[in-house]
Amino acid sequence: MKPSPALQILKAEFFRALAHPVRIRLLEVLVKSGPTSVQDLQKALGIDQPIVSQQLARLRSSGIVVARKQRTTTFYTVADPLIAELLRVAKDILNRHLVGVQGLLRELKSDRRVSSKVRLKPDTTTV
């Protein structure tokens, strides 16, 4: 069965919501720490409070995190525990990719060493 365009749009919106380094870092902290306040997230990431709040709002509007107010403090947590698995799988994919790139870099470096050792003899047949 072919996925509907509406489903494809929904998937794209989900991944767009994740597509920011600060949002990824926020999710990594939330997965590791559980419910966390904006102030603690700010400290953990070393980022100004307005930026943390703005990125949390984006994640919240996408349904990726949920907020729970306790007196004057709001605590954020991931909405679905599978977010932890998604981050782990993404990390595994990136690790595999980087291992491949490192292999190519080693090969390139090795080629460069071999090339610099090869000396061409001057052409003495030319008059």
N, C-alpha and C. Protein backbone atom coordinates (compact mmCIF):
# COMPACT_ATOMS: atom_id res chain seq x y z
N MET A 1 0.85 -1.19 0.00
CA MET A 1 0.00 0.00 0.00
C MET A 1 0.89 1.25 0.00
N LYS A 2 0.60 2.16 -0.87
CA LYS A 2 1.37 3.39 -1.03
C LYS A 2 0.99 4.38 0.08
N PRO A 3 2.01 4.96 0.78
CA PRO A 3 1.69 5.94 1.83
C PRO A 3 1.02 7.18 1.23
N SER A 4 0.08 7.71 1.96
CA SER A 4 -0.64 8.90 1.48
C SER A 4 0.26 10.14 1.58
N PRO A 5 -0.01 11.13 0.74
CA PRO A 5 0.76 12.37 0.83
C PRO A 5 0.64 13.01 2.23
N ALA A 6 -0.51 12.89 2.84
CA ALA A 6 -0.71 13.46 4.18
C ALA A 6 0.23 12.80 5.20
N LEU A 7 0.41 11.49 5.08
CA LEU A 7 1.31 10.78 5.98
C LEU A 7 2.76 11.21 5.74
N GLN A 8 3.13 11.38 4.47
CA GLN A 8 4.49 11.82 4.14
C GLN A 8 4.75 13.22 4.70
N ILE A 9 3.77 14.09 4.62
CA ILE A 9 3.89 15.45 5.17
C ILE A 9 4.05 15.38 6.68
N LEU A 10 3.27 14.53 7.33
CA LEU A 10 3.36 14.37 8.79
C LEU A 10 4.75 13.90 9.19
N LYS A 11 5.29 12.94 8.47
CA LYS A 11 6.65 12.45 8.75
C LYS A 11 7.68 13.55 8.55
N ALA A 12 7.55 14.29 7.47
CA ALA A 12 8.50 15.38 7.19
C ALA A 12 8.45 16.44 8.28
N GLU A 13 7.26 16.77 8.76
CA GLU A 13 7.12 17.76 9.83
C GLU A 13 7.78 17.26 11.12
N PHE A 14 7.62 15.98 11.39
CA PHE A 14 8.25 15.38 12.58
C PHE A 14 9.77 15.54 12.51
N PHE A 15 10.35 15.17 11.38
CA PHE A 15 11.80 15.27 11.24
C PHE A 15 12.28 16.72 11.18
N ARG A 16 11.45 17.61 10.63
CA ARG A 16 11.80 19.04 10.64
C ARG A 16 11.87 19.57 12.08
N ALA A 17 10.97 19.07 12.92
CA ALA A 17 10.97 19.50 14.32
C ALA A 17 12.24 19.07 15.04
N LEU A 18 12.84 17.98 14.58
CA LEU A 18 14.09 17.50 15.19
C LEU A 18 15.32 18.18 14.60
N ALA A 19 15.16 18.84 13.48
CA ALA A 19 16.28 19.31 12.66
C ALA A 19 16.92 20.60 13.18
N HIS A 20 17.38 20.57 14.40
CA HIS A 20 18.12 21.71 14.97
C HIS A 20 19.04 21.16 16.04
N PRO A 21 20.31 21.57 16.03
CA PRO A 21 21.26 21.02 17.01
C PRO A 21 20.84 21.21 18.47
N VAL A 22 20.26 22.36 18.79
CA VAL A 22 19.84 22.60 20.17
C VAL A 22 18.69 21.66 20.54
N ARG A 23 17.77 21.44 19.62
CA ARG A 23 16.65 20.54 19.93
C ARG A 23 17.13 19.11 20.14
N ILE A 24 18.10 18.69 19.34
CA ILE A 24 18.67 17.34 19.53
C ILE A 24 19.34 17.27 20.90
N ARG A 25 20.11 18.27 21.25
CA ARG A 25 20.78 18.27 22.56
C ARG A 25 19.77 18.27 23.70
N LEU A 26 18.70 19.05 23.55
CA LEU A 26 17.65 19.06 24.57
C LEU A 26 17.05 17.67 24.75
N LEU A 27 16.75 17.02 23.64
CA LEU A 27 16.18 15.67 23.72
C LEU A 27 17.14 14.68 24.37
N GLU A 28 18.42 14.79 24.04
CA GLU A 28 19.41 13.90 24.65
C GLU A 28 19.44 14.07 26.17
N VAL A 29 19.38 15.31 26.63
CA VAL A 29 19.37 15.57 28.07
C VAL A 29 18.08 15.04 28.69
N LEU A 30 16.95 15.31 28.04
CA LEU A 30 15.67 14.85 28.59
C LEU A 30 15.58 13.33 28.65
N VAL A 31 16.09 12.67 27.63
CA VAL A 31 16.08 11.20 27.62
C VAL A 31 16.92 10.67 28.77
N LYS A 32 18.07 11.30 28.98
CA LYS A 32 18.99 10.83 30.03
C LYS A 32 18.50 11.20 31.43
N SER A 33 17.93 12.39 31.58
CA SER A 33 17.61 12.92 32.91
C SER A 33 16.16 12.78 33.33
N GLY A 34 15.27 12.55 32.39
CA GLY A 34 13.85 12.55 32.74
C GLY A 34 13.34 13.97 32.85
N PRO A 35 12.22 14.17 33.55
CA PRO A 35 11.64 15.51 33.64
C PRO A 35 12.67 16.53 34.16
N THR A 36 12.81 17.62 33.40
CA THR A 36 13.83 18.61 33.70
C THR A 36 13.26 20.01 33.50
N SER A 37 13.64 20.93 34.38
CA SER A 37 13.18 22.32 34.27
C SER A 37 13.97 23.06 33.21
N VAL A 38 13.41 24.17 32.74
CA VAL A 38 14.10 25.01 31.76
C VAL A 38 15.44 25.47 32.32
N GLN A 39 15.44 25.86 33.59
CA GLN A 39 16.68 26.34 34.21
C GLN A 39 17.76 25.25 34.21
N ASP A 40 17.37 24.02 34.53
CA ASP A 40 18.35 22.93 34.54
C ASP A 40 18.81 22.57 33.13
N LEU A 41 17.90 22.67 32.17
CA LEU A 41 18.29 22.44 30.77
C LEU A 41 19.26 23.51 30.31
N GLN A 42 18.98 24.74 30.71
CA GLN A 42 19.86 25.86 30.36
C GLN A 42 21.26 25.62 30.92
N LYS A 43 21.33 25.21 32.17
CA LYS A 43 22.64 24.93 32.79
C LYS A 43 23.34 23.77 32.10
N ALA A 44 22.59 22.71 31.82
CA ALA A 44 23.19 21.52 31.20
C ALA A 44 23.76 21.82 29.82
N LEU A 45 23.10 22.71 29.07
CA LEU A 45 23.53 23.00 27.71
C LEU A 45 24.41 24.25 27.61
N GLY A 46 24.40 25.08 28.65
CA GLY A 46 25.17 26.32 28.61
C GLY A 46 24.63 27.28 27.57
N ILE A 47 23.32 27.34 27.45
CA ILE A 47 22.65 28.19 26.45
C ILE A 47 21.69 29.13 27.18
N ASP A 48 21.53 30.33 26.63
CA ASP A 48 20.63 31.31 27.23
C ASP A 48 19.20 30.78 27.33
N GLN A 49 18.51 31.19 28.38
CA GLN A 49 17.16 30.73 28.67
C GLN A 49 16.17 31.00 27.53
N PRO A 50 16.19 32.16 26.88
CA PRO A 50 15.24 32.37 25.78
C PRO A 50 15.40 31.36 24.63
N ILE A 51 16.63 30.98 24.34
CA ILE A 51 16.88 30.00 23.26
C ILE A 51 16.34 28.64 23.66
N VAL A 52 16.62 28.24 24.91
CA VAL A 52 16.11 26.95 25.41
C VAL A 52 14.58 26.94 25.35
N SER A 53 13.95 28.01 25.83
CA SER A 53 12.48 28.08 25.83
C SER A 53 11.92 28.04 24.42
N GLN A 54 12.56 28.75 23.49
CA GLN A 54 12.10 28.78 22.11
C GLN A 54 12.17 27.38 21.48
N GLN A 55 13.25 26.68 21.71
CA GLN A 55 13.42 25.34 21.12
C GLN A 55 12.48 24.33 21.78
N LEU A 56 12.28 24.47 23.08
CA LEU A 56 11.31 23.60 23.77
C LEU A 56 9.90 23.83 23.24
N ALA A 57 9.58 25.09 22.95
CA ALA A 57 8.25 25.40 22.42
C ALA A 57 8.04 24.71 21.07
N ARG A 58 9.08 24.69 20.24
CA ARG A 58 8.98 24.02 18.94
C ARG A 58 8.76 22.52 19.12
N LEU A 59 9.52 21.92 20.04
CA LEU A 59 9.37 20.49 20.31
C LEU A 59 7.99 20.19 20.91
N ARG A 60 7.53 21.09 21.74
CA ARG A 60 6.22 20.90 22.38
C ARG A 60 5.09 21.02 21.37
N SER A 61 5.18 22.00 20.47
CA SER A 61 4.12 22.18 19.47
C SER A 61 4.06 21.00 18.50
N SER A 62 5.16 20.29 18.37
CA SER A 62 5.21 19.11 17.51
C SER A 62 4.83 17.83 18.25
N GLY A 63 4.58 17.95 19.54
CA GLY A 63 4.19 16.79 20.33
C GLY A 63 5.35 15.87 20.70
N ILE A 64 6.57 16.38 20.58
CA ILE A 64 7.75 15.56 20.88
C ILE A 64 8.10 15.62 22.36
N VAL A 65 7.83 16.76 22.99
CA VAL A 65 7.99 16.87 24.45
C VAL A 65 6.68 17.34 25.04
N VAL A 66 6.52 17.06 26.31
CA VAL A 66 5.36 17.54 27.06
C VAL A 66 5.85 18.31 28.27
N ALA A 67 5.02 19.24 28.71
CA ALA A 67 5.37 20.07 29.86
C ALA A 67 4.39 19.80 31.00
N ARG A 68 4.94 19.85 32.22
CA ARG A 68 4.11 19.69 33.42
C ARG A 68 4.53 20.78 34.39
N LYS A 69 3.55 21.58 34.78
CA LYS A 69 3.84 22.69 35.68
C LYS A 69 3.69 22.20 37.12
N GLN A 70 4.69 22.55 37.93
CA GLN A 70 4.66 22.23 39.35
C GLN A 70 4.97 23.52 40.08
N ARG A 71 3.93 24.12 40.64
CA ARG A 71 4.01 25.45 41.25
C ARG A 71 4.49 26.45 40.22
N THR A 72 5.68 27.02 40.41
CA THR A 72 6.17 28.04 39.48
C THR A 72 7.16 27.49 38.46
N THR A 73 7.43 26.20 38.53
CA THR A 73 8.43 25.59 37.64
C THR A 73 7.76 24.66 36.65
N THR A 74 8.19 24.74 35.39
CA THR A 74 7.70 23.84 34.36
C THR A 74 8.77 22.80 34.09
N PHE A 75 8.35 21.54 34.09
CA PHE A 75 9.25 20.42 33.81
C PHE A 75 8.90 19.84 32.45
N TYR A 76 9.93 19.57 31.66
CA TYR A 76 9.75 19.00 30.33
C TYR A 76 10.25 17.56 30.33
N THR A 77 9.58 16.75 29.52
CA THR A 77 9.98 15.37 29.33
C THR A 77 9.61 14.94 27.91
N VAL A 78 10.24 13.89 27.41
CA VAL A 78 9.87 13.42 26.08
C VAL A 78 8.47 12.81 26.15
N ALA A 79 7.71 13.02 25.09
CA ALA A 79 6.33 12.54 25.06
C ALA A 79 6.25 11.04 24.86
N ASP A 80 7.25 10.49 24.18
CA ASP A 80 7.23 9.06 23.87
C ASP A 80 8.61 8.48 24.16
N PRO A 81 8.68 7.42 24.95
CA PRO A 81 9.98 6.83 25.26
C PRO A 81 10.74 6.32 24.03
N LEU A 82 10.05 6.13 22.91
CA LEU A 82 10.72 5.69 21.69
C LEU A 82 11.67 6.76 21.12
N ILE A 83 11.53 7.99 21.61
CA ILE A 83 12.47 9.05 21.19
C ILE A 83 13.89 8.64 21.56
N ALA A 84 14.06 7.99 22.70
CA ALA A 84 15.39 7.52 23.11
C ALA A 84 15.93 6.53 22.09
N GLU A 85 15.07 5.63 21.62
CA GLU A 85 15.49 4.64 20.62
C GLU A 85 15.82 5.33 19.29
N LEU A 86 15.04 6.32 18.91
CA LEU A 86 15.29 7.06 17.68
C LEU A 86 16.66 7.74 17.73
N LEU A 87 16.98 8.37 18.85
CA LEU A 87 18.28 9.02 19.01
C LEU A 87 19.42 8.00 18.96
N ARG A 88 19.19 6.83 19.56
CA ARG A 88 20.22 5.79 19.56
C ARG A 88 20.46 5.27 18.15
N VAL A 89 19.37 5.03 17.41
CA VAL A 89 19.51 4.54 16.04
C VAL A 89 20.21 5.58 15.17
N ALA A 90 19.86 6.85 15.32
CA ALA A 90 20.52 7.92 14.56
C ALA A 90 22.01 7.96 14.88
N LYS A 91 22.34 7.79 16.14
CA LYS A 91 23.76 7.77 16.55
C LYS A 91 24.49 6.59 15.90
N ASP A 92 23.85 5.43 15.90
CA ASP A 92 24.46 4.24 15.28
C ASP A 92 24.69 4.46 13.78
N ILE A 93 23.71 5.04 13.10
CA ILE A 93 23.84 5.30 11.67
C ILE A 93 25.00 6.27 11.43
N LEU A 94 25.06 7.33 12.20
CA LEU A 94 26.13 8.32 12.04
C LEU A 94 27.49 7.72 12.35
N ASN A 95 27.56 6.88 13.38
CA ASN A 95 28.84 6.22 13.70
C ASN A 95 29.32 5.35 12.54
N ARG A 96 28.41 4.60 11.94
CA ARG A 96 28.78 3.77 10.79
C ARG A 96 29.27 4.63 9.64
N HIS A 97 28.57 5.71 9.40
CA HIS A 97 28.96 6.62 8.32
C HIS A 97 30.35 7.21 8.59
N LEU A 98 30.57 7.65 9.81
CA LEU A 98 31.86 8.27 10.15
C LEU A 98 33.00 7.27 10.10
N VAL A 99 32.75 6.03 10.48
CA VAL A 99 33.78 4.99 10.37
C VAL A 99 34.18 4.82 8.91
N GLY A 100 33.20 4.82 8.02
CA GLY A 100 33.49 4.72 6.59
C GLY A 100 34.29 5.91 6.09
N VAL A 101 33.92 7.09 6.53
CA VAL A 101 34.65 8.30 6.13
C VAL A 101 36.07 8.26 6.67
N GLN A 102 36.24 7.81 7.91
CA GLN A 102 37.59 7.72 8.49
C GLN A 102 38.45 6.76 7.69
N GLY A 103 37.85 5.65 7.24
CA GLY A 103 38.60 4.70 6.41
C GLY A 103 39.06 5.35 5.11
N LEU A 104 38.18 6.13 4.49
CA LEU A 104 38.55 6.83 3.26
C LEU A 104 39.65 7.86 3.51
N LEU A 105 39.57 8.55 4.64
CA LEU A 105 40.61 9.54 4.97
C LEU A 105 41.96 8.86 5.19
N ARG A 106 41.96 7.70 5.86
CA ARG A 106 43.21 6.96 6.05
C ARG A 106 43.79 6.52 4.70
N GLU A 107 42.89 6.06 3.83
CA GLU A 107 43.33 5.63 2.50
C GLU A 107 43.91 6.81 1.71
N LEU A 108 43.26 7.95 1.79
CA LEU A 108 43.74 9.15 1.11
C LEU A 108 45.10 9.57 1.65
N LYS A 109 45.25 9.53 2.96
CA LYS A 109 46.51 9.89 3.60
C LYS A 109 47.62 8.93 3.16
N SER A 110 47.30 7.65 3.10
CA SER A 110 48.26 6.64 2.66
C SER A 110 48.66 6.87 1.22
N ASP A 111 47.68 7.17 0.36
CA ASP A 111 47.96 7.48 -1.05
C ASP A 111 48.89 8.68 -1.17
N ARG A 112 48.67 9.66 -0.36
CA ARG A 112 49.47 10.88 -0.40
C ARG A 112 50.92 10.56 -0.03
N ARG A 113 51.10 9.71 0.98
CA ARG A 113 52.46 9.33 1.40
C ARG A 113 53.17 8.58 0.27
N VAL A 114 52.46 7.66 -0.35
CA VAL A 114 53.04 6.88 -1.44
C VAL A 114 53.39 7.81 -2.60
N SER A 115 52.51 8.73 -2.93
CA SER A 115 52.74 9.66 -4.04
C SER A 115 53.96 10.53 -3.79
N SER A 116 54.15 10.96 -2.55
CA SER A 116 55.29 11.83 -2.26
C SER A 116 56.61 11.06 -2.28
N LYS A 117 56.56 9.75 -2.08
CA LYS A 117 57.77 8.93 -2.11
C LYS A 117 58.17 8.57 -3.54
N VAL A 118 57.21 8.57 -4.42
CA VAL A 118 57.49 8.21 -5.81
C VAL A 118 58.13 9.42 -6.48
N ARG A 119 59.33 9.22 -6.97
CA ARG A 119 60.04 10.30 -7.67
C ARG A 119 60.13 9.92 -9.14
N LEU A 120 59.74 10.81 -9.95
CA LEU A 120 59.85 10.56 -11.38
C LEU A 120 61.27 10.87 -11.83
N LYS A 121 61.82 9.96 -12.62
CA LYS A 121 63.16 10.19 -13.15
C LYS A 121 63.06 11.24 -14.24
N PRO A 122 64.00 12.13 -14.32
CA PRO A 122 63.96 13.14 -15.38
C PRO A 122 64.07 12.46 -16.74
N ASP A 123 63.37 12.99 -17.69
CA ASP A 123 63.37 12.45 -19.04
C ASP A 123 64.65 12.89 -19.75
N THR A 124 65.53 11.91 -19.99
CA THR A 124 66.83 12.21 -20.59
C THR A 124 66.85 11.93 -22.09
N THR A 125 65.71 11.48 -22.62
CA THR A 125 65.68 11.14 -24.05
C THR A 125 65.37 12.36 -24.91
N THR A 126 64.96 13.42 -24.32
CA THR A 126 64.62 14.61 -25.08
C THR A 126 65.88 15.37 -25.47
N VAL A 127 65.92 15.87 -26.63
CA VAL A 127 67.10 16.60 -27.12
C VAL A 127 66.93 18.06 -26.92
